Amino acid sequence: MDVAATAAAFGVALHSAGLPVGPDRCERLAQAITVMKAQSLAELRACALATMVSDPGQLLIFDRVFAALFGSPSPLSALLSTVPSASPRPGAIGPSASPAPSSADAGGWTSVMQSAEADSQSSGGISDDLAEGPALRLVASDTERLRNRDFTELSPAELRQLVALMRELTLAIPPRRTRRYRGPRKGKRPDLRRTMRQAQRYGGEVIKLSHQARVIRPRRLVVLCDISGSMEPYARALLLLMYVLYGAQSQGVRLRKPGASRLELFSFATRLTRLTPALAAASPDTMLAKAGEVALDWSGGTRIGPALKEFNDRYGAPGMARGAVVLIISDGWETGDPELLGKQMARLDRLAYRIVWANPRTQSPRYRPEVGGMAAAWPFCDAVVSAHNLDALDDLLAALG
């Protein structure tokens, strides 16, 4: 069966019958048939129903057109004779007449229907009365199904599917102006050395004044991820996001600025662990396995204050956090001293360009940062987001920008 021809011809028939079917829906039908590997008329109808119908009121017209083209008995055949066309156009399918394709298309329609019937017979005589519910569920878009689900509800297989969806995200880390100048560019600062070198070509006469422009580079992104027991499901999903962002240039993620390798990843529970080398793994599963081997405190307690102090002492103050965008992923449960966390957040605030806190608990409208570590850290955060599902990652990336 020619999938493209079948989808296009069926889309034209539905459009003539009055349904709002355009080229986009025909393309989706062709993709659904290819993905589902439809072998019978029942499977073909399931694919078409999932991609061509957008309202329950269109179902009867859809069944009438499908039955007329492919000769398949409709589950709603008893009601078809009473259904009028929805604003039929010239040459549209009437309520009791079969579609009348033009003479130029007659051969195409005949071949399409014969091919569909042959496929139905070659599939072992699968009955058209098979239950179509499972087929419809399989056709449902994985993207729409996963977007609104909390990361705690996803299975390991569904987490792996997230990687492909995360590669469609766009990261825009704010740039920074360095102290270096570079030419020849359109800048405001005169480049005297280049001007004098060019003047030597004209006997020492300055014909053209050269300028320099300040070098612009992307800021470093520093991520501190809480891997304690309460954050473990969210940590896995967000570590996958960091893996995608780290390898963005080689894996096709659209970046507005180069420099995806300027990402530093740390984990903390009862201790601080640098996980940046694990991001260079060949696959997401390998990355998570390496992270689990290095971070010995996985699913342990939470000591945010001491971990943040160690980061500031060993990495942040020496230069890693200076002018960087810092992302802290944690639910704010602090078993240590909240006062220490507040002091270290103030210290980090003086170093970093921007601090974003991702807390899945903030998805609740009743959440208030009134106690514990979150209350101490909140005043020093430039943005607080939930990042609890795929849709919420858009807010996270917007906050980072």
Protein backbone atom coordinates (compact mmCIF):
# COMPACT_ATOMS: atom_id res chain seq x y z
CA MET A 1 0.00 0.00 0.00
CA ASP A 2 1.30 3.45 -0.92
CA VAL A 3 1.01 5.13 2.47
CA ALA A 4 1.41 8.69 1.20
CA ALA A 5 -1.15 8.26 -1.58
CA THR A 6 -3.63 6.59 0.77
CA ALA A 7 -3.34 9.36 3.37
CA ALA A 8 -3.63 12.12 0.78
CA ALA A 9 -6.61 10.56 -0.98
CA PHE A 10 -8.48 9.91 2.26
CA GLY A 11 -7.73 13.49 3.40
CA VAL A 12 -9.16 14.90 0.16
CA ALA A 13 -12.34 12.83 0.59
CA LEU A 14 -12.81 13.97 4.18
CA HIS A 15 -12.18 17.59 3.22
CA SER A 16 -14.75 17.32 0.43
CA ALA A 17 -17.24 15.93 2.93
CA GLY A 18 -16.84 19.03 5.08
CA LEU A 19 -14.32 18.03 7.74
CA PRO A 20 -11.48 20.47 8.54
CA VAL A 21 -8.74 18.20 7.17
CA GLY A 22 -5.58 19.73 5.74
CA PRO A 23 -2.13 18.58 4.61
CA ASP A 24 -0.89 18.52 8.21
CA ARG A 25 -3.42 15.85 9.20
CA CYS A 26 -2.63 13.81 6.10
CA GLU A 27 1.02 13.88 7.08
CA ARG A 28 0.17 12.74 10.60
CA LEU A 29 -1.93 9.89 9.21
CA ALA A 30 0.97 8.72 7.03
CA GLN A 31 3.29 8.83 10.03
CA ALA A 32 0.81 6.91 12.19
CA ILE A 33 0.39 4.18 9.57
CA THR A 34 4.17 3.86 9.28
CA VAL A 35 4.77 3.76 13.03
CA MET A 36 1.90 1.34 13.74
CA LYS A 37 2.72 -0.80 10.67
CA ALA A 38 -1.00 -1.06 9.92
CA GLN A 39 -1.83 -4.39 8.26
CA SER A 40 -5.64 -4.48 8.34
CA LEU A 41 -8.55 -2.14 7.72
CA ALA A 42 -9.24 -2.07 11.46
CA GLU A 43 -5.72 -0.82 12.15
CA LEU A 44 -5.96 1.65 9.27
CA ARG A 45 -9.24 3.00 10.67
CA ALA A 46 -7.67 3.35 14.13
CA CYS A 47 -4.78 5.38 12.71
CA ALA A 48 -7.13 7.58 10.69
CA LEU A 49 -9.50 8.11 13.61
CA ALA A 50 -6.67 9.25 15.87
CA THR A 51 -5.24 11.73 13.35
CA MET A 52 -8.17 12.96 11.25
CA VAL A 53 -10.99 13.48 13.77
CA SER A 54 -10.82 16.42 16.18
CA ASP A 55 -14.40 16.47 17.48
CA PRO A 56 -16.91 13.73 18.42
CA GLY A 57 -19.44 15.34 16.09
CA GLN A 58 -17.24 14.46 13.11
CA LEU A 59 -17.25 10.73 13.83
CA LEU A 60 -20.33 9.77 11.80
CA ILE A 61 -19.15 11.60 8.66
CA PHE A 62 -15.72 10.05 9.09
CA ASP A 63 -17.20 6.53 9.28
CA ARG A 64 -19.40 7.11 6.23
CA VAL A 65 -16.44 8.28 4.11
CA PHE A 66 -14.20 5.47 5.36
CA ALA A 67 -16.84 2.83 4.60
CA ALA A 68 -17.44 4.25 1.14
CA LEU A 69 -13.75 4.26 0.23
CA PHE A 70 -12.48 1.09 1.82
CA GLY A 71 -15.68 -1.00 2.03
CA SER A 72 -15.24 -1.54 5.77
CA PRO A 73 -18.39 -2.01 7.89
CA SER A 74 -18.65 0.81 10.40
CA PRO A 75 -19.53 0.30 14.08
CA LEU A 76 -22.01 3.15 13.58
CA SER A 77 -23.53 1.86 10.33
CA ALA A 78 -27.05 1.99 11.75
CA LEU A 79 -26.77 5.76 12.13
CA LEU A 80 -24.98 6.59 8.89
CA SER A 81 -28.12 6.94 6.77
CA THR A 82 -29.43 9.74 9.00
CA VAL A 83 -26.29 11.86 9.07
CA PRO A 84 -26.21 14.85 6.69
CA SER A 85 -22.99 16.25 5.29
CA ALA A 86 -21.37 19.11 7.13
CA SER A 87 -21.57 22.04 4.68
CA PRO A 88 -20.94 19.89 1.57
CA ARG A 89 -18.98 21.47 -1.20
CA PRO A 90 -19.55 20.89 -4.92
CA GLY A 91 -19.01 17.23 -5.59
CA ALA A 92 -19.15 16.39 -1.86
CA ILE A 93 -20.36 13.06 -0.56
CA GLY A 94 -24.08 13.04 0.06
CA PRO A 95 -25.86 11.44 3.04
CA SER A 96 -26.86 8.32 1.14
CA ALA A 97 -24.49 8.31 -1.83
CA SER A 98 -21.00 7.03 -2.11
CA PRO A 99 -18.17 9.42 -3.02
CA ALA A 100 -17.70 10.03 -6.69
CA PRO A 101 -14.08 10.63 -7.48
CA SER A 102 -13.15 12.26 -10.74
CA SER A 103 -12.25 10.17 -13.77
CA ALA A 104 -8.63 11.24 -13.38
CA ASP A 105 -8.56 9.88 -9.86
CA ALA A 106 -10.57 6.72 -10.51
CA GLY A 107 -7.53 4.60 -11.16
CA GLY A 108 -5.83 5.93 -8.05
CA TRP A 109 -8.85 5.26 -5.85
CA THR A 110 -9.25 1.76 -7.25
CA SER A 111 -5.61 0.91 -6.63
CA VAL A 112 -5.75 2.30 -3.11
CA MET A 113 -8.82 0.23 -2.19
CA GLN A 114 -7.48 -2.93 -3.83
CA SER A 115 -4.16 -2.51 -2.05
CA ALA A 116 -5.91 -2.00 1.28
CA GLU A 117 -8.05 -5.12 0.75
CA ALA A 118 -4.98 -7.14 -0.29
CA ASP A 119 -3.17 -6.07 2.85
CA SER A 120 -6.16 -7.09 4.92
CA GLN A 121 -6.21 -10.57 3.33
CA SER A 122 -2.42 -11.02 3.61
CA SER A 123 -2.58 -10.33 7.34
CA GLY A 124 -4.27 -13.67 7.92
CA GLY A 125 -7.88 -12.59 7.49
CA ILE A 126 -7.93 -10.35 10.52
CA SER A 127 -11.52 -9.44 11.23
CA ASP A 128 -12.59 -5.82 11.11
CA ASP A 129 -14.59 -6.44 14.25
CA LEU A 130 -11.40 -6.57 16.36
CA ALA A 131 -11.34 -4.36 19.40
CA GLU A 132 -9.92 -1.00 18.33
CA GLY A 133 -9.39 0.45 21.80
CA PRO A 134 -5.81 -0.86 22.22
CA ALA A 135 -4.88 0.36 18.73
CA LEU A 136 -6.18 3.83 19.54
CA ARG A 137 -4.20 3.90 22.77
CA LEU A 138 -1.05 2.92 20.88
CA VAL A 139 -1.59 5.70 18.38
CA ALA A 140 -1.82 8.29 21.17
CA SER A 141 1.15 10.63 21.08
CA ASP A 142 3.89 9.77 23.57
CA THR A 143 4.77 13.43 23.73
CA GLU A 144 1.33 14.53 24.89
CA ARG A 145 1.13 11.61 27.31
CA LEU A 146 4.46 12.38 28.98
CA ARG A 147 4.35 16.16 29.03
CA ASN A 148 1.98 16.58 31.97
CA ARG A 149 3.03 13.54 34.01
CA ASP A 150 5.08 14.09 37.13
CA PHE A 151 8.61 12.67 36.98
CA THR A 152 7.80 10.45 39.98
CA GLU A 153 5.17 8.61 37.88
CA LEU A 154 7.47 7.68 35.00
CA SER A 155 8.98 4.24 34.52
CA PRO A 156 12.65 3.78 33.50
CA ALA A 157 11.55 3.18 29.91
CA GLU A 158 9.53 6.40 29.89
CA LEU A 159 12.49 8.29 31.34
CA ARG A 160 14.54 7.13 28.37
CA GLN A 161 11.84 8.49 26.06
CA LEU A 162 12.24 11.87 27.73
CA VAL A 163 15.75 12.20 26.32
CA ALA A 164 14.43 12.45 22.75
CA LEU A 165 11.86 15.04 23.85
CA MET A 166 14.45 17.05 25.80
CA ARG A 167 16.57 17.37 22.67
CA GLU A 168 13.87 19.63 21.26
CA LEU A 169 14.36 22.18 24.05
CA THR A 170 16.24 25.45 23.56
CA LEU A 171 18.79 26.75 26.05
CA ALA A 172 19.76 30.44 26.09
CA ILE A 173 22.40 31.15 28.74
CA PRO A 174 23.00 34.93 29.01
CA PRO A 175 26.30 36.04 27.45
CA ARG A 176 29.00 37.96 29.32
CA ARG A 177 31.38 40.67 28.17
CA THR A 178 34.98 39.69 28.74
CA ARG A 179 37.96 42.02 29.18
CA ARG A 180 39.41 40.94 25.86
CA TYR A 181 39.04 42.83 22.60
CA ARG A 182 39.27 41.34 19.17
CA GLY A 183 39.37 42.73 15.66
CA PRO A 184 38.69 43.39 12.93
CA ARG A 185 35.13 43.92 14.09
CA LYS A 186 32.70 46.77 14.23
CA GLY A 187 33.51 48.13 17.64
CA LYS A 188 33.92 51.49 19.36
CA ARG A 189 37.47 51.03 20.65
CA PRO A 190 40.21 52.11 18.19
CA ASP A 191 42.73 49.41 17.32
CA LEU A 192 45.93 51.47 17.14
CA ARG A 193 48.26 48.57 16.37
CA ARG A 194 46.20 47.39 13.40
CA THR A 195 45.76 50.97 12.22
CA MET A 196 49.54 51.57 12.15
CA ARG A 197 50.21 48.26 10.40
CA GLN A 198 47.76 49.18 7.69
CA ALA A 199 49.28 52.67 7.42
CA GLN A 200 52.64 51.13 6.44
CA ARG A 201 51.06 50.07 3.15
CA TYR A 202 50.42 53.71 2.28
CA GLY A 203 53.76 55.25 3.27
CA GLY A 204 52.76 55.95 6.85
CA GLU A 205 49.51 57.70 6.03
CA VAL A 206 46.48 56.65 8.08
CA ILE A 207 43.82 55.96 5.50
CA LYS A 208 41.46 53.86 7.59
CA LEU A 209 40.99 53.74 11.35
CA SER A 210 40.53 50.17 12.65
CA HIS A 211 38.40 49.32 15.66
CA GLN A 212 38.08 46.50 18.14
CA ALA A 213 35.00 44.87 19.66
CA ARG A 214 34.74 43.32 23.09
CA VAL A 215 34.65 39.52 23.08
CA ILE A 216 31.27 38.07 24.11
CA ARG A 217 31.15 34.57 25.58
CA PRO A 218 28.40 32.45 27.14
CA ARG A 219 28.31 32.25 30.89
CA ARG A 220 29.11 29.04 32.69
CA LEU A 221 26.15 26.99 33.92
CA VAL A 222 26.78 25.40 37.32
CA VAL A 223 24.24 22.82 38.51
CA LEU A 224 23.96 21.51 42.08
CA CYS A 225 21.54 18.56 42.14
CA ASP A 226 20.03 17.09 45.30
CA ILE A 227 20.14 13.26 45.09
CA SER A 228 18.64 12.54 48.51
CA GLY A 229 15.81 10.05 48.98
CA SER A 230 13.03 12.62 48.59
CA MET A 231 14.51 14.00 45.34
CA GLU A 232 15.70 10.76 43.70
CA PRO A 233 12.97 10.52 40.95
CA TYR A 234 13.35 14.18 40.03
CA ALA A 235 17.15 13.96 40.16
CA ARG A 236 17.20 11.20 37.55
CA ALA A 237 15.05 13.17 35.11
CA LEU A 238 16.98 16.42 35.56
CA LEU A 239 20.33 14.65 35.28
CA LEU A 240 19.10 13.45 31.88
CA LEU A 241 18.38 17.07 30.98
CA MET A 242 21.92 18.04 31.97
CA TYR A 243 23.25 15.19 29.85
CA VAL A 244 21.35 16.51 26.84
CA LEU A 245 22.53 20.08 27.40
CA TYR A 246 26.13 19.00 27.88
CA GLY A 247 26.23 17.16 24.57
CA ALA A 248 23.99 19.63 22.76
CA GLN A 249 26.37 20.53 19.97
CA SER A 250 26.94 16.91 18.96
CA GLN A 251 23.36 15.72 19.52
CA GLY A 252 21.48 18.47 17.70
CA VAL A 253 19.96 20.59 20.49
CA ARG A 254 19.45 24.13 19.26
CA LEU A 255 21.65 26.52 21.25
CA ARG A 256 21.57 30.26 20.72
CA LYS A 257 25.15 30.52 21.92
CA PRO A 258 27.99 28.01 21.62
CA GLY A 259 29.68 26.58 24.66
CA ALA A 260 27.55 23.67 25.85
CA SER A 261 30.68 22.19 27.39
CA ARG A 262 30.77 25.12 29.86
CA LEU A 263 28.49 23.17 32.17
CA GLU A 264 29.55 21.93 35.58
CA LEU A 265 27.43 19.38 37.42
CA PHE A 266 27.60 18.52 41.13
CA SER A 267 25.45 16.26 43.26
CA PHE A 268 24.88 16.45 46.98
CA ALA A 269 23.04 14.62 49.71
CA THR A 270 25.35 14.18 52.68
CA ARG A 271 28.45 15.18 50.66
CA LEU A 272 29.38 17.10 47.51
CA THR A 273 30.39 15.13 44.40
CA ARG A 274 31.49 16.47 41.00
CA LEU A 275 29.63 14.62 38.23
CA THR A 276 30.82 16.61 35.20
CA PRO A 277 33.05 13.76 33.86
CA ALA A 278 30.03 11.41 33.87
CA LEU A 279 28.20 13.68 31.39
CA ALA A 280 30.62 12.61 28.66
CA ALA A 281 29.17 9.06 28.72
CA ALA A 282 28.04 7.48 25.47
CA SER A 283 24.40 7.04 26.53
CA PRO A 284 22.01 8.35 29.19
CA ASP A 285 21.88 4.98 30.96
CA THR A 286 25.67 4.88 31.14
CA MET A 287 25.72 8.40 32.52
CA LEU A 288 23.28 7.52 35.30
CA ALA A 289 25.27 4.36 36.11
CA LYS A 290 28.53 6.33 36.35
CA ALA A 291 26.84 8.98 38.48
CA GLY A 292 25.58 6.28 40.85
CA GLU A 293 29.07 4.82 41.15
CA VAL A 294 30.70 8.16 41.92
CA ALA A 295 28.00 9.58 44.23
CA LEU A 296 28.15 7.22 47.19
CA ASP A 297 25.46 9.16 49.07
CA TRP A 298 22.73 8.51 46.49
CA SER A 299 19.27 8.43 48.17
CA GLY A 300 20.82 9.49 51.46
CA GLY A 301 20.01 12.36 53.80
CA THR A 302 20.10 16.06 52.93
CA ARG A 303 22.73 18.52 54.15
CA ILE A 304 22.43 21.46 51.79
CA GLY A 305 24.34 23.98 53.91
CA PRO A 306 27.58 21.96 54.33
CA ALA A 307 27.50 20.89 50.65
CA LEU A 308 27.08 24.48 49.52
CA LYS A 309 29.92 25.60 51.82
CA GLU A 310 32.23 22.96 50.32
CA PHE A 311 31.31 24.10 46.83
CA ASN A 312 32.00 27.75 47.65
CA ASP A 313 35.33 26.93 49.28
CA ARG A 314 36.69 24.49 46.68
CA TYR A 315 35.09 25.60 43.42
CA GLY A 316 32.87 28.69 43.62
CA ALA A 317 35.12 31.33 45.20
CA PRO A 318 38.26 30.26 43.24
CA GLY A 319 36.46 31.18 40.03
CA MET A 320 33.85 28.63 38.92
CA ALA A 321 30.86 30.56 40.26
CA ARG A 322 32.09 34.05 39.35
CA GLY A 323 29.63 35.47 36.82
CA ALA A 324 28.01 32.06 36.33
CA VAL A 325 24.37 31.01 36.24
CA VAL A 326 23.85 28.64 39.18
CA LEU A 327 21.00 26.12 39.21
CA ILE A 328 20.18 24.41 42.51
CA ILE A 329 17.83 21.43 42.26
CA SER A 330 16.39 20.50 45.65
CA ASP A 331 13.13 20.34 47.59
CA GLY A 332 14.68 22.38 50.40
CA TRP A 333 14.54 19.71 53.12
CA GLU A 334 17.54 20.58 55.29
CA THR A 335 18.61 18.27 58.12
CA GLY A 336 21.46 20.60 59.08
CA ASP A 337 21.53 24.20 60.27
CA PRO A 338 19.36 26.50 58.09
CA GLU A 339 21.46 29.46 59.25
CA LEU A 340 24.54 27.97 57.60
CA LEU A 341 22.58 27.55 54.37
CA GLY A 342 21.51 31.20 54.49
CA LYS A 343 25.11 32.38 54.94
CA GLN A 344 26.39 30.24 52.07
CA MET A 345 23.56 31.38 49.80
CA ALA A 346 24.46 34.99 50.55
CA ARG A 347 28.07 34.20 49.74
CA LEU A 348 27.10 32.51 46.48
CA ASP A 349 24.83 35.43 45.59
CA ARG A 350 27.82 37.78 45.68
CA LEU A 351 29.70 35.54 43.22
CA ALA A 352 27.08 34.34 40.74
CA TYR A 353 25.34 36.28 38.02
CA ARG A 354 22.02 34.53 38.64
CA ILE A 355 20.71 31.84 41.00
CA VAL A 356 17.76 29.65 39.98
CA TRP A 357 16.24 27.13 42.41
CA ALA A 358 14.23 24.21 41.04
CA ASN A 359 11.92 22.85 43.77
CA PRO A 360 9.24 20.29 42.74
CA ARG A 361 7.22 21.11 45.85
CA THR A 362 6.44 24.59 44.51
CA GLN A 363 4.03 23.07 41.97
CA SER A 364 1.40 23.14 44.72
CA PRO A 365 -0.44 26.50 44.95
CA ARG A 366 -0.50 26.09 48.73
CA TYR A 367 3.28 25.90 49.06
CA ARG A 368 4.88 28.54 51.26
CA PRO A 369 8.66 28.81 51.98
CA GLU A 370 8.19 29.49 55.67
CA VAL A 371 10.33 26.86 57.42
CA GLY A 372 13.56 24.94 56.96
CA GLY A 373 16.28 25.48 54.41
CA MET A 374 14.00 26.88 51.72
CA ALA A 375 13.04 29.81 53.93
CA ALA A 376 16.73 30.64 54.42
CA ALA A 377 17.60 30.32 50.72
CA TRP A 378 14.55 31.99 49.17
CA PRO A 379 15.68 35.67 49.51
CA PHE A 380 18.84 34.96 47.49
CA CYS A 381 17.12 33.22 44.55
CA ASP A 382 16.49 35.17 41.36
CA ALA A 383 13.88 32.64 40.26
CA VAL A 384 12.17 29.59 41.77
CA VAL A 385 10.55 27.02 39.45
CA SER A 386 9.04 23.56 39.94
CA ALA A 387 10.62 21.54 37.06
CA HIS A 388 8.45 18.57 38.07
CA ASN A 389 7.45 17.48 34.54
CA LEU A 390 8.38 18.03 30.91
CA ASP A 391 6.15 21.07 30.47
CA ALA A 392 7.69 22.71 33.54
CA LEU A 393 11.15 22.43 31.98
CA ASP A 394 10.22 25.30 29.67
CA ASP A 395 9.89 27.54 32.74
CA LEU A 396 13.23 26.25 34.01
CA LEU A 397 15.09 27.05 30.79
CA ALA A 398 13.41 30.45 30.60
CA ALA A 399 14.56 31.22 34.14
CA LEU A 400 18.11 30.23 33.28
CA GLY A 401 18.02 32.76 30.46
